[in-house]
Amino acid sequence: MAVLFANNNSLSAITSLPASISGGAINLISTQTASSSSTLDFTSGINSTYDEYVFKFYDIHPATDGAYLTFQSDTGTNTNYNQTVTSTFIYAQNDEADSDTTLAYATSRDQANGTAFQPISLSIDADNDSSFSGQLQVFAPSSTTFTKQWMSIGNEVGNGYYNYNTHAGGWFDTTSALTRFQFKMSSGNIDSGVIKLYGIS
């Protein structure tokens, strides 16, 4: 493999990339904005165009104190949102006093061949200054050969004065193409927040 240098080893001298260098692009597909919404649904734009799709969450705020964000998927034009999921969920926490630090596995947030909505956050306060932000990656949802893997990472303020960093991952146990995703709180509405869907090329 050849090592390519910029002219005069200066980044400022680069006017174009060599033909052998290529890069991907993040393509915005759609945006959903919550306003006391029971669900946020993405029912189009998820197809074989991209091998990876990313949902980004911006300040998801629950109407009900202690609710957590969940998601599910479905195939074709189906709207049951009950695909079989196997998943894991871990989190790190720290409080404002730096007195309660934890790295833990959350058994109440995983599934083993379950069809429930999958949690991707812990409990979020309904206080005005509390919210959840992060992202969910879904890989090759249009594959008709393999199960569909996904993983999420998020950060939130909850339980009064705690910061939580969450990591979840798993797969949808289907070889049918996934075409739609729905997001909702474990209870109550999504009071506010934005979810954007991107395709990665």
Foldseek 3Di string as FASTA:
>chain_A
DDDDAAVVNDPVRDPDDPPVDDDKDKAFDDKDKDAQAQKDKDQADQAQPFQKKKKWWFFFAFPDFFWFKFKFFDADNDDPRFFFKFKWKWKWKAFPVRPDTDTDTDPVQGDDRGRDTGTFDGTWGNPPVKGKTWMKMWGRLQALPDWIKMKIWMWIDHPPGMIMIMIMIITGPHSHHIRMMMMGIPDGGRNTIMMIMIGMD
